[in-house]
Amino acid sequence: MRIPLCVLGLVAVAGSAVAELPAADGGAPSAATCVRWTTEVRYRPYGYDHLVHIVNGCDKPARCEVKTDVNPEPTEVRVLPKETVTVVTFQGSPAREFSAQVSCVLEK
């Protein structure tokens, strides 16, 4: 059975994690279950787009910093409560896989 390459290129590589938030007492970071993120790779002619989707399930806005192993330049975004924000970290990349680092802090 032969599968056209264009179909194979549409398969997304995804991962997910919980954003790290500082502890309420200012101590070591603790994982918050209300801010989550996933990664996605979308194929298009001449390369892959790298996307990070951040979902804020908290009751407060979150400020997040996103960087990847392909694009280490940090991107800062504000995610309102109950909102999802997508950050495009790279367009037309030759890499079809990437790892994201996301760190978020809830606003007071």
Foldseek 3Di string as FASTA:
>chain_A
DDDDPVVVQQDWDKDKDFAWEADPVRDRIDGDPQKMKMWIWGDDPQAIWIKIKIAGQDQFKKWKWKAKPVGRPIDIDIAGHRGIDMDTRDPNHNDRDIDMHMHMYGDD
